[in-house]
Amino acid sequence: MTTRKQPNGRWAPWWVYVVIIVGANYAKQYLIQDWPVIVNAAITIVLAGTLFLIITAVYRNRRRR
């Protein structure tokens, strides 16, 4: 008997979040290299949170169909 849990379909696979958020962060770093650290950190937090919500919404919407 396996103890592995079945996915519940509420969240996209972890690698989707990692690939998209890391890729967006690399693009952001290229565009705002010389900005102050506090501004960079704020943009990173907003960017990661927004992407997390968008990825989750798109994944759940596609799973419903």
N, C-alpha and C. Protein backbone atom coordinates (compact mmCIF):
# COMPACT_ATOMS: atom_id res chain seq x y z
N MET A 1 0.85 -1.17 0.00
CA MET A 1 0.00 0.00 0.00
C MET A 1 0.89 1.24 0.00
N THR A 2 0.53 2.20 -0.86
CA THR A 2 1.31 3.43 -0.91
C THR A 2 0.69 4.48 -0.02
N THR A 3 1.54 5.31 0.55
CA THR A 3 1.06 6.38 1.42
C THR A 3 1.04 7.72 0.69
N ARG A 4 1.27 7.68 -0.59
CA ARG A 4 1.30 8.91 -1.38
C ARG A 4 -0.11 9.45 -1.58
N LYS A 5 -0.27 10.77 -1.35
CA LYS A 5 -1.58 11.39 -1.50
C LYS A 5 -1.87 11.67 -2.97
N GLN A 6 -3.13 11.56 -3.34
CA GLN A 6 -3.55 11.91 -4.68
C GLN A 6 -3.69 13.43 -4.77
N PRO A 7 -3.28 14.02 -5.90
CA PRO A 7 -3.45 15.47 -6.03
C PRO A 7 -4.93 15.84 -6.07
N ASN A 8 -5.27 16.96 -5.45
CA ASN A 8 -6.67 17.35 -5.37
C ASN A 8 -7.09 18.28 -6.49
N GLY A 9 -6.18 18.71 -7.35
CA GLY A 9 -6.52 19.53 -8.49
C GLY A 9 -6.69 21.01 -8.20
N ARG A 10 -6.44 21.43 -6.99
CA ARG A 10 -6.59 22.85 -6.64
C ARG A 10 -5.38 23.67 -7.05
N TRP A 11 -4.22 23.04 -7.13
CA TRP A 11 -2.99 23.77 -7.39
C TRP A 11 -2.29 23.18 -8.61
N ALA A 12 -1.63 24.04 -9.35
CA ALA A 12 -0.81 23.57 -10.47
C ALA A 12 0.40 22.84 -9.90
N PRO A 13 1.05 22.02 -10.70
CA PRO A 13 2.27 21.36 -10.21
C PRO A 13 3.30 22.40 -9.78
N TRP A 14 4.11 22.06 -8.80
CA TRP A 14 5.05 23.01 -8.22
C TRP A 14 6.00 23.59 -9.25
N TRP A 15 6.40 22.77 -10.22
CA TRP A 15 7.38 23.23 -11.20
C TRP A 15 6.83 24.33 -12.11
N VAL A 16 5.51 24.39 -12.30
CA VAL A 16 4.92 25.46 -13.11
C VAL A 16 5.14 26.80 -12.42
N TYR A 17 4.88 26.83 -11.11
CA TYR A 17 5.10 28.06 -10.35
C TYR A 17 6.57 28.47 -10.40
N VAL A 18 7.45 27.52 -10.17
CA VAL A 18 8.89 27.83 -10.11
C VAL A 18 9.39 28.36 -11.45
N VAL A 19 9.06 27.68 -12.53
CA VAL A 19 9.56 28.09 -13.85
C VAL A 19 9.07 29.49 -14.22
N ILE A 20 7.79 29.75 -14.04
CA ILE A 20 7.23 31.04 -14.44
C ILE A 20 7.72 32.17 -13.53
N ILE A 21 7.71 31.96 -12.22
CA ILE A 21 8.12 33.02 -11.30
C ILE A 21 9.62 33.30 -11.42
N VAL A 22 10.45 32.28 -11.53
CA VAL A 22 11.89 32.50 -11.69
C VAL A 22 12.19 33.19 -13.02
N GLY A 23 11.51 32.76 -14.09
CA GLY A 23 11.71 33.40 -15.39
C GLY A 23 11.31 34.86 -15.37
N ALA A 24 10.18 35.17 -14.75
CA ALA A 24 9.74 36.56 -14.65
C ALA A 24 10.70 37.37 -13.80
N ASN A 25 11.25 36.77 -12.76
CA ASN A 25 12.21 37.48 -11.91
C ASN A 25 13.50 37.80 -12.67
N TYR A 26 13.96 36.86 -13.49
CA TYR A 26 15.15 37.13 -14.31
C TYR A 26 14.88 38.29 -15.27
N ALA A 27 13.72 38.31 -15.90
CA ALA A 27 13.37 39.40 -16.81
C ALA A 27 13.29 40.73 -16.06
N LYS A 28 12.69 40.70 -14.86
CA LYS A 28 12.59 41.91 -14.04
C LYS A 28 13.98 42.42 -13.67
N GLN A 29 14.86 41.53 -13.28
CA GLN A 29 16.22 41.94 -12.90
C GLN A 29 16.96 42.58 -14.07
N TYR A 30 16.72 42.06 -15.26
CA TYR A 30 17.37 42.63 -16.45
C TYR A 30 16.87 44.05 -16.70
N LEU A 31 15.58 44.28 -16.47
CA LEU A 31 14.98 45.58 -16.76
C LEU A 31 15.26 46.64 -15.70
N ILE A 32 15.39 46.23 -14.44
CA ILE A 32 15.55 47.23 -13.37
C ILE A 32 16.82 46.96 -12.56
N GLN A 33 17.93 46.81 -13.22
CA GLN A 33 19.20 46.48 -12.56
C GLN A 33 19.65 47.54 -11.55
N ASP A 34 19.49 48.80 -11.89
CA ASP A 34 20.07 49.86 -11.07
C ASP A 34 19.09 50.53 -10.12
N TRP A 35 17.95 49.95 -9.90
CA TRP A 35 16.96 50.56 -9.01
C TRP A 35 17.33 50.26 -7.56
N PRO A 36 16.85 51.04 -6.61
CA PRO A 36 17.15 50.78 -5.19
C PRO A 36 16.63 49.41 -4.75
N VAL A 37 17.30 48.85 -3.76
CA VAL A 37 16.98 47.51 -3.29
C VAL A 37 15.54 47.41 -2.77
N ILE A 38 15.08 48.40 -2.05
CA ILE A 38 13.74 48.34 -1.47
C ILE A 38 12.67 48.33 -2.57
N VAL A 39 12.90 49.08 -3.64
CA VAL A 39 11.96 49.10 -4.76
C VAL A 39 12.00 47.75 -5.47
N ASN A 40 13.18 47.22 -5.66
CA ASN A 40 13.35 45.91 -6.29
C ASN A 40 12.63 44.83 -5.48
N ALA A 41 12.78 44.86 -4.17
CA ALA A 41 12.13 43.86 -3.31
C ALA A 41 10.61 43.99 -3.37
N ALA A 42 10.12 45.21 -3.36
CA ALA A 42 8.66 45.42 -3.44
C ALA A 42 8.11 44.91 -4.77
N ILE A 43 8.80 45.20 -5.85
CA ILE A 43 8.36 44.72 -7.16
C ILE A 43 8.39 43.20 -7.20
N THR A 44 9.41 42.60 -6.62
CA THR A 44 9.51 41.14 -6.60
C THR A 44 8.35 40.51 -5.85
N ILE A 45 8.00 41.07 -4.70
CA ILE A 45 6.89 40.53 -3.91
C ILE A 45 5.57 40.64 -4.66
N VAL A 46 5.32 41.80 -5.24
CA VAL A 46 4.08 42.00 -5.99
C VAL A 46 4.05 41.09 -7.22
N LEU A 47 5.16 40.99 -7.93
CA LEU A 47 5.24 40.16 -9.13
C LEU A 47 5.00 38.69 -8.80
N ALA A 48 5.67 38.18 -7.77
CA ALA A 48 5.51 36.77 -7.40
C ALA A 48 4.08 36.48 -6.93
N GLY A 49 3.52 37.35 -6.13
CA GLY A 49 2.15 37.15 -5.66
C GLY A 49 1.14 37.19 -6.78
N THR A 50 1.30 38.14 -7.69
CA THR A 50 0.39 38.25 -8.82
C THR A 50 0.50 37.04 -9.73
N LEU A 51 1.71 36.62 -10.03
CA LEU A 51 1.89 35.45 -10.88
C LEU A 51 1.33 34.19 -10.22
N PHE A 52 1.51 34.07 -8.92
CA PHE A 52 0.96 32.92 -8.20
C PHE A 52 -0.56 32.86 -8.36
N LEU A 53 -1.21 34.00 -8.19
CA LEU A 53 -2.67 34.05 -8.33
C LEU A 53 -3.11 33.76 -9.77
N ILE A 54 -2.41 34.31 -10.74
CA ILE A 54 -2.76 34.09 -12.14
C ILE A 54 -2.57 32.63 -12.54
N ILE A 55 -1.44 32.05 -12.15
CA ILE A 55 -1.18 30.64 -12.48
C ILE A 55 -2.26 29.75 -11.87
N THR A 56 -2.59 29.99 -10.61
CA THR A 56 -3.61 29.18 -9.94
C THR A 56 -4.97 29.34 -10.62
N ALA A 57 -5.35 30.57 -10.95
CA ALA A 57 -6.65 30.81 -11.60
C ALA A 57 -6.72 30.14 -12.96
N VAL A 58 -5.67 30.26 -13.75
CA VAL A 58 -5.66 29.64 -15.08
C VAL A 58 -5.71 28.13 -14.95
N TYR A 59 -4.94 27.57 -14.04
CA TYR A 59 -4.92 26.11 -13.86
C TYR A 59 -6.28 25.59 -13.43
N ARG A 60 -6.91 26.26 -12.47
CA ARG A 60 -8.23 25.81 -12.01
C ARG A 60 -9.27 25.96 -13.11
N ASN A 61 -9.20 27.03 -13.89
CA ASN A 61 -10.14 27.24 -14.97
C ASN A 61 -9.99 26.16 -16.05
N ARG A 62 -8.76 25.80 -16.37
CA ARG A 62 -8.53 24.76 -17.38
C ARG A 62 -8.94 23.37 -16.87
N ARG A 63 -8.82 23.13 -15.58
CA ARG A 63 -9.20 21.82 -15.02
C ARG A 63 -10.72 21.63 -15.00
N ARG A 64 -11.46 22.74 -14.91
CA ARG A 64 -12.92 22.67 -14.89
C ARG A 64 -13.50 22.21 -16.21
N ARG A 65 -12.83 22.55 -17.31
CA ARG A 65 -13.35 22.23 -18.63
C ARG A 65 -13.21 20.80 -18.98
